[in-house]
C-alpha cells in the first residue's frame, strides 16, 4: 500500500475509527470525512501524534458539492464509505435516514465518478436479510433473498442497487461488506453494542446485563476494518456485496471470555435468554475466495484485547 491516499467517510464512527487506526499504523495518508468533529472513538485507539497525521474534514455526506470537493481535494486513490445512521436513528427520523444512508451513498459514487476513481468500497449490512426463520439452516449465503424488516435494511438494500447501477452505467467497480454483530472499543450505539458495553463495564470492575442471548456471529472491529482495507487492494472488476464472518458462539461463551479477561466481575455479567431475530451465521467463503485468508482474531483474544484497551484508555484519560 505504498504511496496511497485514502478517503474514509464516517471516519469518526465505530468501524471508521478502526479503519483509520489501521491505515495510520501502515503509514498511509488518510482524509477522515465526517459531519461530526467528536474524536471520542478515535482517542482510545490513536496517540496524539497519530491523530495529528490524519487530515480531518468536517462535511455533510448529504451535500453532493461538499462530498465531491472533499474527495477531489484529498487526492485519494481509494474510497472507504462507512457514513450512515443506524437502525434506531433511521426509525426515529426516516427522511434524515434516507438522506444520509441512501442519498449519501449516491453522492459518494457520483463524487468518485467525477474524480475519475474506478472503485468504491462501502458498508452494507446483514440488515438486508430477514428473520432467521426465512432461511434454511446453516451459514447464510451472500445471495440469499432480502427480506429487510427495518428502514435501515431497506436503505442498505438500495445502496447495493446503487452500486450495481454505477457499475452498469459508469464502469465503477465496488465491493460492499455486510457486518453483523461487531464489537470492540468504540462500539457504543445500537442493540448489538451490549457485548461491548459489558466489556467496558468489566474493565471498570462492574457487572452488566446484556439484553439478548443465543448463538450469534461475533465480529471483532479490528478484523472488519482490515477486511475493508483489503478490499481496496485486491484486483476486482464488478459490483458485489459479501458477508463477513467472525466467531459463531453462544452468548455464554462471550460472557466467559469477559470473565476471563476481568476475573473481578465473575458472576456479574448476565444476559437475556432471547436470541437476536436474525440468522446466526454468515457465509464468508465467497469473500475469502476473493481476498484470500480473512482477518480473524479468536474471541477470547479479542475480548481480552478490548478489555485491556478500555483499561489503558481510561487510565490515560483518553476515554470519556
C-alpha atoms as a PDB file:
ATOM      1  CA  UNK A   1       0.000   0.000   0.000  1.00  0.00           C
ATOM      2  CA  UNK A   2       2.931   2.348  -0.600  1.00  0.00           C
ATOM      3  CA  UNK A   3       2.137   5.942  -1.578  1.00  0.00           C
ATOM      4  CA  UNK A   4      -1.610   5.505  -1.384  1.00  0.00           C
ATOM      5  CA  UNK A   5      -4.112   8.043  -0.103  1.00  0.00           C
ATOM      6  CA  UNK A   6      -7.430   7.052   1.445  1.00  0.00           C
ATOM      7  CA  UNK A   7     -10.725   8.911   1.790  1.00  0.00           C
ATOM      8  CA  UNK A   8     -12.792   7.464   4.649  1.00  0.00           C
ATOM      9  CA  UNK A   9     -16.353   8.640   5.284  1.00  0.00           C
ATOM     10  CA  UNK A  10     -17.899   8.130   8.695  1.00  0.00           C
ATOM     11  CA  UNK A  11     -14.344   8.115   9.984  1.00  0.00           C
ATOM     12  CA  UNK A  12     -15.369   9.211  13.471  1.00  0.00           C
ATOM     13  CA  UNK A  13     -17.818   6.337  13.788  1.00  0.00           C
ATOM     14  CA  UNK A  14     -17.055   2.941  15.258  1.00  0.00           C
ATOM     15  CA  UNK A  15     -15.768   0.940  12.284  1.00  0.00           C
ATOM     16  CA  UNK A  16     -14.394   4.129  10.737  1.00  0.00           C
ATOM     17  CA  UNK A  17     -12.175   4.709  13.757  1.00  0.00           C
ATOM     18  CA  UNK A  18     -10.689   1.229  13.417  1.00  0.00           C
ATOM     19  CA  UNK A  19     -10.134   1.700   9.678  1.00  0.00           C
ATOM     20  CA  UNK A  20      -8.310   4.965  10.368  1.00  0.00           C
ATOM     21  CA  UNK A  21      -6.251   3.285  13.090  1.00  0.00           C
ATOM     22  CA  UNK A  22      -5.069   0.549  10.724  1.00  0.00           C
ATOM     23  CA  UNK A  23      -4.308   2.966   7.888  1.00  0.00           C
ATOM     24  CA  UNK A  24      -2.291   5.279  10.146  1.00  0.00           C
ATOM     25  CA  UNK A  25      -0.404   2.303  11.562  1.00  0.00           C
ATOM     26  CA  UNK A  26       0.506   1.369   7.995  1.00  0.00           C
ATOM     27  CA  UNK A  27       1.798   4.904   7.367  1.00  0.00           C
ATOM     28  CA  UNK A  28      -0.921   5.840   4.883  1.00  0.00           C
ATOM     29  CA  UNK A  29      -2.288   9.302   4.136  1.00  0.00           C
ATOM     30  CA  UNK A  30      -5.856   9.491   5.425  1.00  0.00           C
ATOM     31  CA  UNK A  31      -8.589  12.064   4.887  1.00  0.00           C
ATOM     32  CA  UNK A  32     -11.267  11.478   7.515  1.00  0.00           C
ATOM     33  CA  UNK A  33     -14.617  12.853   6.340  1.00  0.00           C
ATOM     34  CA  UNK A  34     -17.408  13.152   8.904  1.00  0.00           C
ATOM     35  CA  UNK A  35     -20.152  15.555   9.884  1.00  0.00           C
ATOM     36  CA  UNK A  36     -19.046  15.246  13.497  1.00  0.00           C
ATOM     37  CA  UNK A  37     -15.848  16.667  14.960  1.00  0.00           C
ATOM     38  CA  UNK A  38     -16.038  14.456  18.063  1.00  0.00           C
ATOM     39  CA  UNK A  39     -12.967  12.206  18.152  1.00  0.00           C
ATOM     40  CA  UNK A  40     -14.037  10.190  21.215  1.00  0.00           C
ATOM     41  CA  UNK A  41     -13.917   6.882  19.336  1.00  0.00           C
ATOM     42  CA  UNK A  42     -10.507   7.620  17.842  1.00  0.00           C
ATOM     43  CA  UNK A  43      -8.779   8.822  21.007  1.00  0.00           C
ATOM     44  CA  UNK A  44      -8.629   5.396  22.710  1.00  0.00           C
ATOM     45  CA  UNK A  45      -7.102   3.940  19.533  1.00  0.00           C
ATOM     46  CA  UNK A  46      -4.563   6.556  18.423  1.00  0.00           C
ATOM     47  CA  UNK A  47      -1.987   8.682  20.194  1.00  0.00           C
ATOM     48  CA  UNK A  48      -1.956  12.438  19.788  1.00  0.00           C
ATOM     49  CA  UNK A  49       0.934  12.120  17.322  1.00  0.00           C
ATOM     50  CA  UNK A  50      -1.026   9.585  15.281  1.00  0.00           C
ATOM     51  CA  UNK A  51      -4.148  11.754  15.331  1.00  0.00           C
ATOM     52  CA  UNK A  52      -2.057  14.647  14.025  1.00  0.00           C
ATOM     53  CA  UNK A  53      -1.267  12.578  10.925  1.00  0.00           C
ATOM     54  CA  UNK A  54      -4.943  12.409   9.930  1.00  0.00           C
ATOM     55  CA  UNK A  55      -6.481  15.161   7.801  1.00  0.00           C
ATOM     56  CA  UNK A  56      -9.962  15.756   9.206  1.00  0.00           C
ATOM     57  CA  UNK A  57     -12.660  17.282   7.010  1.00  0.00           C
ATOM     58  CA  UNK A  58     -15.997  18.171   8.600  1.00  0.00           C
ATOM     59  CA  UNK A  59     -18.674  17.804   5.961  1.00  0.00           C
ATOM     60  CA  UNK A  60     -22.224  16.682   5.271  1.00  0.00           C
ATOM     61  CA  UNK A  61     -22.483  13.441   3.289  1.00  0.00           C
ATOM     62  CA  UNK A  62     -25.911  14.569   2.027  1.00  0.00           C
ATOM     63  CA  UNK A  63     -24.409  17.593   0.222  1.00  0.00           C
ATOM     64  CA  UNK A  64     -23.085  16.457  -3.190  1.00  0.00           C
ATOM     65  CA  UNK A  65     -20.920  19.531  -3.769  1.00  0.00           C
ATOM     66  CA  UNK A  66     -19.255  19.189  -0.361  1.00  0.00           C
ATOM     67  CA  UNK A  67     -18.576  15.491  -0.912  1.00  0.00           C
ATOM     68  CA  UNK A  68     -17.185  15.997  -4.399  1.00  0.00           C
ATOM     69  CA  UNK A  69     -14.905  18.859  -3.320  1.00  0.00           C
ATOM     70  CA  UNK A  70     -13.604  16.968  -0.295  1.00  0.00           C
ATOM     71  CA  UNK A  71     -12.851  13.849  -2.327  1.00  0.00           C
ATOM     72  CA  UNK A  72     -11.104  15.794  -5.100  1.00  0.00           C
ATOM     73  CA  UNK A  73      -9.060  17.832  -2.636  1.00  0.00           C
ATOM     74  CA  UNK A  74      -7.940  14.691  -0.805  1.00  0.00           C
ATOM     75  CA  UNK A  75      -6.250  13.318  -3.914  1.00  0.00           C
ATOM     76  CA  UNK A  76      -7.385   9.906  -2.713  1.00  0.00           C
ATOM     77  CA  UNK A  77      -6.669   6.720  -4.598  1.00  0.00           C
ATOM     78  CA  UNK A  78      -9.176   4.743  -2.517  1.00  0.00           C
ATOM     79  CA  UNK A  79     -12.606   5.411  -1.003  1.00  0.00           C
ATOM     80  CA  UNK A  80     -13.973   3.536   2.006  1.00  0.00           C
ATOM     81  CA  UNK A  81     -17.549   4.679   2.566  1.00  0.00           C
ATOM     82  CA  UNK A  82     -18.812   3.995   6.101  1.00  0.00           C
ATOM     83  CA  UNK A  83     -21.011   7.019   6.839  1.00  0.00           C
ATOM     84  CA  UNK A  84     -24.548   6.100   7.856  1.00  0.00           C
ATOM     85  CA  UNK A  85     -27.218   6.279  10.518  1.00  0.00           C
ATOM     86  CA  UNK A  86     -28.046   3.107  12.449  1.00  0.00           C
ATOM     87  CA  UNK A  87     -31.395   1.360  12.893  1.00  0.00           C
ATOM     88  CA  UNK A  88     -32.798   3.446  15.792  1.00  0.00           C
ATOM     89  CA  UNK A  89     -31.944   6.750  14.127  1.00  0.00           C
ATOM     90  CA  UNK A  90     -33.473   5.726  10.786  1.00  0.00           C
ATOM     91  CA  UNK A  91     -36.636   4.673  12.610  1.00  0.00           C
ATOM     92  CA  UNK A  92     -36.810   7.934  14.562  1.00  0.00           C
ATOM     93  CA  UNK A  93     -36.248  10.139  11.502  1.00  0.00           C
ATOM     94  CA  UNK A  94     -36.865   8.196   8.268  1.00  0.00           C
ATOM     95  CA  UNK A  95     -36.283  11.194   6.000  1.00  0.00           C
ATOM     96  CA  UNK A  96     -32.914  12.011   7.518  1.00  0.00           C
ATOM     97  CA  UNK A  97     -32.032   8.315   7.489  1.00  0.00           C
ATOM     98  CA  UNK A  98     -32.758   8.130   3.775  1.00  0.00           C
ATOM     99  CA  UNK A  99     -30.797  11.301   3.062  1.00  0.00           C
ATOM    100  CA  UNK A 100     -27.734  10.105   4.947  1.00  0.00           C
ATOM    101  CA  UNK A 101     -27.782   6.410   4.062  1.00  0.00           C
ATOM    102  CA  UNK A 102     -29.188   6.434   0.529  1.00  0.00           C
ATOM    103  CA  UNK A 103     -28.517   9.900  -0.904  1.00  0.00           C
ATOM    104  CA  UNK A 104     -25.152   9.977   0.872  1.00  0.00           C
ATOM    105  CA  UNK A 105     -24.130   6.780  -0.882  1.00  0.00           C
ATOM    106  CA  UNK A 106     -25.242   8.127  -4.262  1.00  0.00           C
ATOM    107  CA  UNK A 107     -23.160  11.231  -3.551  1.00  0.00           C
ATOM    108  CA  UNK A 108     -20.077   9.100  -2.878  1.00  0.00           C
ATOM    109  CA  UNK A 109     -20.437   7.113  -6.096  1.00  0.00           C
ATOM    110  CA  UNK A 110     -21.042  10.273  -8.090  1.00  0.00           C
ATOM    111  CA  UNK A 111     -18.067  12.024  -6.488  1.00  0.00           C
ATOM    112  CA  UNK A 112     -15.898   9.003  -7.266  1.00  0.00           C
ATOM    113  CA  UNK A 113     -17.077   9.119 -10.890  1.00  0.00           C
ATOM    114  CA  UNK A 114     -16.323  12.839 -11.146  1.00  0.00           C
ATOM    115  CA  UNK A 115     -12.873  12.301  -9.599  1.00  0.00           C
ATOM    116  CA  UNK A 116     -12.043   9.520 -12.041  1.00  0.00           C
ATOM    117  CA  UNK A 117     -11.847   6.775  -9.400  1.00  0.00           C
ATOM    118  CA  UNK A 118     -12.699   3.273 -10.547  1.00  0.00           C
ATOM    119  CA  UNK A 119     -13.706   1.605  -7.287  1.00  0.00           C
ATOM    120  CA  UNK A 120     -15.678   2.259  -4.099  1.00  0.00           C
ATOM    121  CA  UNK A 121     -15.583   0.035  -1.014  1.00  0.00           C
ATOM    122  CA  UNK A 122     -18.599   0.547   1.208  1.00  0.00           C
ATOM    123  CA  UNK A 123     -20.521  -0.823   4.182  1.00  0.00           C
ATOM    124  CA  UNK A 124     -23.803  -2.582   3.636  1.00  0.00           C
ATOM    125  CA  UNK A 125     -25.336  -4.640   6.456  1.00  0.00           C
ATOM    126  CA  UNK A 126     -26.849  -8.017   7.322  1.00  0.00           C
ATOM    127  CA  UNK A 127     -29.992  -5.960   7.977  1.00  0.00           C
ATOM    128  CA  UNK A 128     -30.818  -6.512   4.296  1.00  0.00           C
ATOM    129  CA  UNK A 129     -31.836 -10.033   5.327  1.00  0.00           C
ATOM    130  CA  UNK A 130     -34.972 -11.032   7.201  1.00  0.00           C
ATOM    131  CA  UNK A 131     -35.627 -13.164  10.284  1.00  0.00           C
ATOM    132  CA  UNK A 132     -33.735 -16.436  10.537  1.00  0.00           C
ATOM    133  CA  UNK A 133     -36.972 -18.380  10.058  1.00  0.00           C
ATOM    134  CA  UNK A 134     -36.939 -17.163   6.448  1.00  0.00           C
ATOM    135  CA  UNK A 135     -33.809 -19.146   5.603  1.00  0.00           C
ATOM    136  CA  UNK A 136     -32.628 -22.778   5.664  1.00  0.00           C
ATOM    137  CA  UNK A 137     -30.232 -23.912   8.427  1.00  0.00           C
ATOM    138  CA  UNK A 138     -26.528 -23.250   8.041  1.00  0.00           C
ATOM    139  CA  UNK A 139     -24.404 -20.255   7.059  1.00  0.00           C
ATOM    140  CA  UNK A 140     -26.372 -17.590   5.200  1.00  0.00           C
ATOM    141  CA  UNK A 141     -25.146 -17.155   1.627  1.00  0.00           C
ATOM    142  CA  UNK A 142     -24.466 -13.636   0.285  1.00  0.00           C
ATOM    143  CA  UNK A 143     -27.087 -14.147  -2.426  1.00  0.00           C
ATOM    144  CA  UNK A 144     -29.846 -15.237  -0.025  1.00  0.00           C
ATOM    145  CA  UNK A 145     -33.140 -13.377  -0.623  1.00  0.00           C
ATOM    146  CA  UNK A 146     -33.521  -9.984   1.006  1.00  0.00           C
ATOM    147  CA  UNK A 147     -36.372  -9.503   3.479  1.00  0.00           C
ATOM    148  CA  UNK A 148     -35.384  -6.371   5.432  1.00  0.00           C
ATOM    149  CA  UNK A 149     -37.566  -5.670   8.452  1.00  0.00           C
ATOM    150  CA  UNK A 150     -36.295  -2.124   9.115  1.00  0.00           C
ATOM    151  CA  UNK A 151     -35.944   1.066   7.111  1.00  0.00           C
ATOM    152  CA  UNK A 152     -32.209   0.816   7.738  1.00  0.00           C
ATOM    153  CA  UNK A 153     -32.181  -2.551   5.979  1.00  0.00           C
ATOM    154  CA  UNK A 154     -34.243  -1.155   3.108  1.00  0.00           C
ATOM    155  CA  UNK A 155     -31.794   1.727   2.739  1.00  0.00           C
ATOM    156  CA  UNK A 156     -28.825  -0.657   2.692  1.00  0.00           C
ATOM    157  CA  UNK A 157     -30.557  -2.759   0.042  1.00  0.00           C
ATOM    158  CA  UNK A 158     -31.000   0.404  -2.034  1.00  0.00           C
ATOM    159  CA  UNK A 159     -27.276   1.144  -1.684  1.00  0.00           C
ATOM    160  CA  UNK A 160     -26.379  -2.256  -3.087  1.00  0.00           C
ATOM    161  CA  UNK A 161     -28.600  -1.439  -6.049  1.00  0.00           C
ATOM    162  CA  UNK A 162     -26.908   1.935  -6.474  1.00  0.00           C
ATOM    163  CA  UNK A 163     -23.517   0.218  -6.591  1.00  0.00           C
ATOM    164  CA  UNK A 164     -24.757  -2.188  -9.268  1.00  0.00           C
ATOM    165  CA  UNK A 165     -26.119   0.604 -11.457  1.00  0.00           C
ATOM    166  CA  UNK A 166     -22.934   2.693 -11.187  1.00  0.00           C
ATOM    167  CA  UNK A 167     -21.023  -0.342 -12.421  1.00  0.00           C
ATOM    168  CA  UNK A 168     -23.520  -0.848 -15.248  1.00  0.00           C
ATOM    169  CA  UNK A 169     -23.720   2.785 -16.337  1.00  0.00           C
ATOM    170  CA  UNK A 170     -20.281   4.165 -15.488  1.00  0.00           C
ATOM    171  CA  UNK A 171     -17.931   1.207 -15.069  1.00  0.00           C
ATOM    172  CA  UNK A 172     -17.220   1.915 -11.405  1.00  0.00           C
ATOM    173  CA  UNK A 173     -16.442  -1.283  -9.547  1.00  0.00           C
ATOM    174  CA  UNK A 174     -17.469  -1.719  -5.946  1.00  0.00           C
ATOM    175  CA  UNK A 175     -17.206  -4.105  -3.041  1.00  0.00           C
ATOM    176  CA  UNK A 176     -19.789  -3.908  -0.280  1.00  0.00           C
ATOM    177  CA  UNK A 177     -19.337  -5.695   3.034  1.00  0.00           C
ATOM    178  CA  UNK A 178     -22.142  -6.699   5.403  1.00  0.00           C
ATOM    179  CA  UNK A 179     -21.013  -6.527   9.044  1.00  0.00           C
ATOM    180  CA  UNK A 180     -23.114  -8.257  11.723  1.00  0.00           C
ATOM    181  CA  UNK A 181     -22.504  -8.109  15.499  1.00  0.00           C
ATOM    182  CA  UNK A 182     -19.290  -6.091  15.536  1.00  0.00           C
ATOM    183  CA  UNK A 183     -17.599  -5.458  18.884  1.00  0.00           C
ATOM    184  CA  UNK A 184     -14.592  -3.593  20.210  1.00  0.00           C
ATOM    185  CA  UNK A 185     -13.575  -0.240  21.649  1.00  0.00           C
ATOM    186  CA  UNK A 186     -15.818   2.482  20.236  1.00  0.00           C
ATOM    187  CA  UNK A 187     -18.974   0.394  19.857  1.00  0.00           C
ATOM    188  CA  UNK A 188     -21.409   2.468  21.879  1.00  0.00           C
ATOM    189  CA  UNK A 189     -24.701   2.573  19.921  1.00  0.00           C
ATOM    190  CA  UNK A 190     -27.421   0.111  18.967  1.00  0.00           C
ATOM    191  CA  UNK A 191     -28.811  -3.121  20.408  1.00  0.00           C
ATOM    192  CA  UNK A 192     -25.803  -5.221  19.433  1.00  0.00           C
ATOM    193  CA  UNK A 193     -23.452  -2.824  21.254  1.00  0.00           C
ATOM    194  CA  UNK A 194     -24.373  -4.593  24.511  1.00  0.00           C
ATOM    195  CA  UNK A 195     -21.490  -7.132  24.480  1.00  0.00           C
ATOM    196  CA  UNK A 196     -19.009  -4.272  24.073  1.00  0.00           C
ATOM    197  CA  UNK A 197     -20.706  -2.326  26.855  1.00  0.00           C
ATOM    198  CA  UNK A 198     -20.279  -5.395  29.057  1.00  0.00           C
ATOM    199  CA  UNK A 199     -16.547  -5.403  28.237  1.00  0.00           C
ATOM    200  CA  UNK A 200     -16.303  -1.729  29.142  1.00  0.00           C
ATOM    201  CA  UNK A 201     -18.112  -2.334  32.432  1.00  0.00           C
ATOM    202  CA  UNK A 202     -15.804  -5.257  33.198  1.00  0.00           C
ATOM    203  CA  UNK A 203     -12.755  -3.089  32.533  1.00  0.00           C
ATOM    204  CA  UNK A 204     -14.064  -0.781  35.261  1.00  0.00           C
ATOM    205  CA  UNK A 205     -14.879  -3.629  37.636  1.00  0.00           C
ATOM    206  CA  UNK A 206     -18.651  -3.505  37.114  1.00  0.00           C
ATOM    207  CA  UNK A 207     -21.192  -6.093  36.070  1.00  0.00           C
ATOM    208  CA  UNK A 208     -23.526  -5.623  33.099  1.00  0.00           C
ATOM    209  CA  UNK A 209     -26.705  -7.211  31.742  1.00  0.00           C
ATOM    210  CA  UNK A 210     -26.743  -7.958  28.005  1.00  0.00           C
ATOM    211  CA  UNK A 211     -30.283  -7.719  26.693  1.00  0.00           C
ATOM    212  CA  UNK A 212     -30.149 -10.700  24.329  1.00  0.00           C
ATOM    213  CA  UNK A 213     -28.558 -14.128  24.100  1.00  0.00           C
ATOM    214  CA  UNK A 214     -28.492 -17.228  21.955  1.00  0.00           C
ATOM    215  CA  UNK A 215     -26.000 -18.023  19.227  1.00  0.00           C
ATOM    216  CA  UNK A 216     -24.603 -15.240  17.061  1.00  0.00           C
ATOM    217  CA  UNK A 217     -21.725 -14.266  14.813  1.00  0.00           C
ATOM    218  CA  UNK A 218     -19.362 -12.016  16.815  1.00  0.00           C
ATOM    219  CA  UNK A 219     -17.031  -9.962  14.598  1.00  0.00           C
ATOM    220  CA  UNK A 220     -14.052  -8.073  16.027  1.00  0.00           C
ATOM    221  CA  UNK A 221     -13.751  -4.465  14.846  1.00  0.00           C
ATOM    222  CA  UNK A 222     -10.065  -4.751  14.007  1.00  0.00           C
ATOM    223  CA  UNK A 223     -10.736  -7.735  11.730  1.00  0.00           C
ATOM    224  CA  UNK A 224     -13.607  -5.936   9.995  1.00  0.00           C
ATOM    225  CA  UNK A 225     -11.526  -2.797   9.466  1.00  0.00           C
ATOM    226  CA  UNK A 226      -8.693  -4.804   7.936  1.00  0.00           C
ATOM    227  CA  UNK A 227     -11.163  -6.566   5.630  1.00  0.00           C
ATOM    228  CA  UNK A 228     -12.413  -3.212   4.327  1.00  0.00           C
ATOM    229  CA  UNK A 229      -8.828  -2.136   3.663  1.00  0.00           C
ATOM    230  CA  UNK A 230      -8.011  -5.446   1.940  1.00  0.00           C
ATOM    231  CA  UNK A 231     -10.919  -4.812  -0.423  1.00  0.00           C
ATOM    232  CA  UNK A 232      -9.181  -1.669  -1.695  1.00  0.00           C
ATOM    233  CA  UNK A 233      -6.045  -3.643  -2.525  1.00  0.00           C
ATOM    234  CA  UNK A 234      -7.438  -6.705  -4.302  1.00  0.00           C
ATOM    235  CA  UNK A 235      -7.817  -6.696  -8.098  1.00  0.00           C
ATOM    236  CA  UNK A 236     -11.537  -6.743  -8.807  1.00  0.00           C
ATOM    237  CA  UNK A 237     -13.958  -5.740 -11.552  1.00  0.00           C
ATOM    238  CA  UNK A 238     -17.669  -5.799 -10.868  1.00  0.00           C
ATOM    239  CA  UNK A 239     -20.187  -4.800  -8.223  1.00  0.00           C
ATOM    240  CA  UNK A 240     -20.528  -7.410  -5.493  1.00  0.00           C
ATOM    241  CA  UNK A 241     -21.536  -7.462  -1.859  1.00  0.00           C
ATOM    242  CA  UNK A 242     -20.175 -10.020   0.581  1.00  0.00           C
ATOM    243  CA  UNK A 243     -20.998 -11.316   4.013  1.00  0.00           C
ATOM    244  CA  UNK A 244     -18.442 -11.139   6.793  1.00  0.00           C
ATOM    245  CA  UNK A 245     -17.923 -13.827   9.410  1.00  0.00           C
ATOM    246  CA  UNK A 246     -16.310 -13.895  12.824  1.00  0.00           C
ATOM    247  CA  UNK A 247     -16.738 -16.285  15.739  1.00  0.00           C
ATOM    248  CA  UNK A 248     -20.023 -18.184  15.845  1.00  0.00           C
ATOM    249  CA  UNK A 249     -20.577 -18.544  19.559  1.00  0.00           C
ATOM    250  CA  UNK A 250     -23.238 -18.639  22.242  1.00  0.00           C
ATOM    251  CA  UNK A 251     -23.606 -15.588  24.460  1.00  0.00           C
ATOM    252  CA  UNK A 252     -22.468 -17.721  27.382  1.00  0.00           C
ATOM    253  CA  UNK A 253     -19.080 -18.024  25.632  1.00  0.00           C
ATOM    254  CA  UNK A 254     -18.894 -14.241  25.273  1.00  0.00           C
ATOM    255  CA  UNK A 255     -19.587 -13.859  28.998  1.00  0.00           C
ATOM    256  CA  UNK A 256     -16.964 -16.489  29.825  1.00  0.00           C
ATOM    257  CA  UNK A 257     -14.386 -14.605  27.740  1.00  0.00           C
ATOM    258  CA  UNK A 258     -15.229 -11.350  29.546  1.00  0.00           C
ATOM    259  CA  UNK A 259     -14.898 -13.014  32.948  1.00  0.00           C
ATOM    260  CA  UNK A 260     -11.549 -14.499  31.941  1.00  0.00           C
ATOM    261  CA  UNK A 261     -10.304 -11.054  30.893  1.00  0.00           C
ATOM    262  CA  UNK A 262     -11.700  -9.458  34.083  1.00  0.00           C
ATOM    263  CA  UNK A 263     -11.976 -12.103  36.847  1.00  0.00           C
ATOM    264  CA  UNK A 264     -13.232  -9.494  39.338  1.00  0.00           C
ATOM    265  CA  UNK A 265     -16.637  -9.451  37.608  1.00  0.00           C
ATOM    266  CA  UNK A 266     -17.119 -13.221  37.784  1.00  0.00           C
ATOM    267  CA  UNK A 267     -20.850 -13.943  38.008  1.00  0.00           C
ATOM    268  CA  UNK A 268     -21.861 -10.312  37.453  1.00  0.00           C
ATOM    269  CA  UNK A 269     -22.115 -10.290  33.660  1.00  0.00           C
ATOM    270  CA  UNK A 270     -25.503 -11.691  32.649  1.00  0.00           C
ATOM    271  CA  UNK A 271     -27.606 -11.986  29.509  1.00  0.00           C
ATOM    272  CA  UNK A 272     -31.212 -12.471  28.489  1.00  0.00           C
ATOM    273  CA  UNK A 273     -32.442 -15.745  27.025  1.00  0.00           C
ATOM    274  CA  UNK A 274     -33.962 -14.220  23.885  1.00  0.00           C
ATOM    275  CA  UNK A 275     -31.776 -14.555  20.755  1.00  0.00           C
ATOM    276  CA  UNK A 276     -31.467 -11.944  18.048  1.00  0.00           C
ATOM    277  CA  UNK A 277     -34.130 -12.377  15.329  1.00  0.00           C
ATOM    278  CA  UNK A 278     -31.509 -12.662  12.598  1.00  0.00           C
ATOM    279  CA  UNK A 279     -29.618 -15.615  11.082  1.00  0.00           C
ATOM    280  CA  UNK A 280     -26.932 -16.935  13.412  1.00  0.00           C
ATOM    281  CA  UNK A 281     -24.103 -17.460  10.940  1.00  0.00           C
ATOM    282  CA  UNK A 282     -22.879 -15.739   7.778  1.00  0.00           C
ATOM    283  CA  UNK A 283     -21.175 -17.445   4.839  1.00  0.00           C
ATOM    284  CA  UNK A 284     -17.973 -15.514   4.139  1.00  0.00           C
ATOM    285  CA  UNK A 285     -16.456 -18.114   1.796  1.00  0.00           C
ATOM    286  CA  UNK A 286     -17.010 -16.006  -1.364  1.00  0.00           C
ATOM    287  CA  UNK A 287     -15.155 -13.094   0.250  1.00  0.00           C
ATOM    288  CA  UNK A 288     -12.330 -15.412   1.297  1.00  0.00           C
ATOM    289  CA  UNK A 289     -12.032 -16.618  -2.289  1.00  0.00           C
ATOM    290  CA  UNK A 290     -11.618 -13.005  -3.405  1.00  0.00           C
ATOM    291  CA  UNK A 291      -9.306 -11.720  -0.672  1.00  0.00           C
ATOM    292  CA  UNK A 292      -7.500 -14.864   0.427  1.00  0.00           C
ATOM    293  CA  UNK A 293      -7.268 -15.548   4.152  1.00  0.00           C
ATOM    294  CA  UNK A 294      -9.621 -13.232   6.009  1.00  0.00           C
ATOM    295  CA  UNK A 295      -8.531 -11.423   9.176  1.00  0.00           C
ATOM    296  CA  UNK A 296      -9.763 -13.352  12.213  1.00  0.00           C
ATOM    297  CA  UNK A 297      -8.940 -12.833  15.875  1.00  0.00           C
ATOM    298  CA  UNK A 298     -10.228 -15.582  18.191  1.00  0.00           C
ATOM    299  CA  UNK A 299     -12.996 -14.434  20.517  1.00  0.00           C
ATOM    300  CA  UNK A 300     -11.010 -14.874  23.733  1.00  0.00           C
ATOM    301  CA  UNK A 301      -8.047 -12.941  22.337  1.00  0.00           C
ATOM    302  CA  UNK A 302     -10.212 -10.120  21.008  1.00  0.00           C
ATOM    303  CA  UNK A 303     -12.196  -9.773  24.235  1.00  0.00           C
ATOM    304  CA  UNK A 304      -9.007  -9.670  26.302  1.00  0.00           C
ATOM    305  CA  UNK A 305      -7.569  -7.026  23.964  1.00  0.00           C
ATOM    306  CA  UNK A 306     -10.783  -4.971  24.153  1.00  0.00           C
ATOM    307  CA  UNK A 307     -10.863  -5.008  27.960  1.00  0.00           C
ATOM    308  CA  UNK A 308      -7.167  -4.096  28.024  1.00  0.00           C
ATOM    309  CA  UNK A 309      -7.635  -1.210  25.572  1.00  0.00           C
ATOM    310  CA  UNK A 310     -10.526   0.119  27.656  1.00  0.00           C
ATOM    311  CA  UNK A 311      -8.394  -0.026  30.820  1.00  0.00           C
ATOM    312  CA  UNK A 312      -5.478   1.739  29.158  1.00  0.00           C
ATOM    313  CA  UNK A 313      -7.713   4.460  27.671  1.00  0.00           C
ATOM    314  CA  UNK A 314      -9.461   5.073  30.984  1.00  0.00           C
ATOM    315  CA  UNK A 315      -6.184   5.191  32.892  1.00  0.00           C
ATOM    316  CA  UNK A 316      -4.647   7.636  30.407  1.00  0.00           C
ATOM    317  CA  UNK A 317      -7.709   9.872  30.275  1.00  0.00           C
ATOM    318  CA  UNK A 318      -8.307   9.111  26.577  1.00  0.00           C
ATOM    319  CA  UNK A 319     -11.744   7.630  27.185  1.00  0.00           C
ATOM    320  CA  UNK A 320     -14.716   9.578  28.486  1.00  0.00           C
END
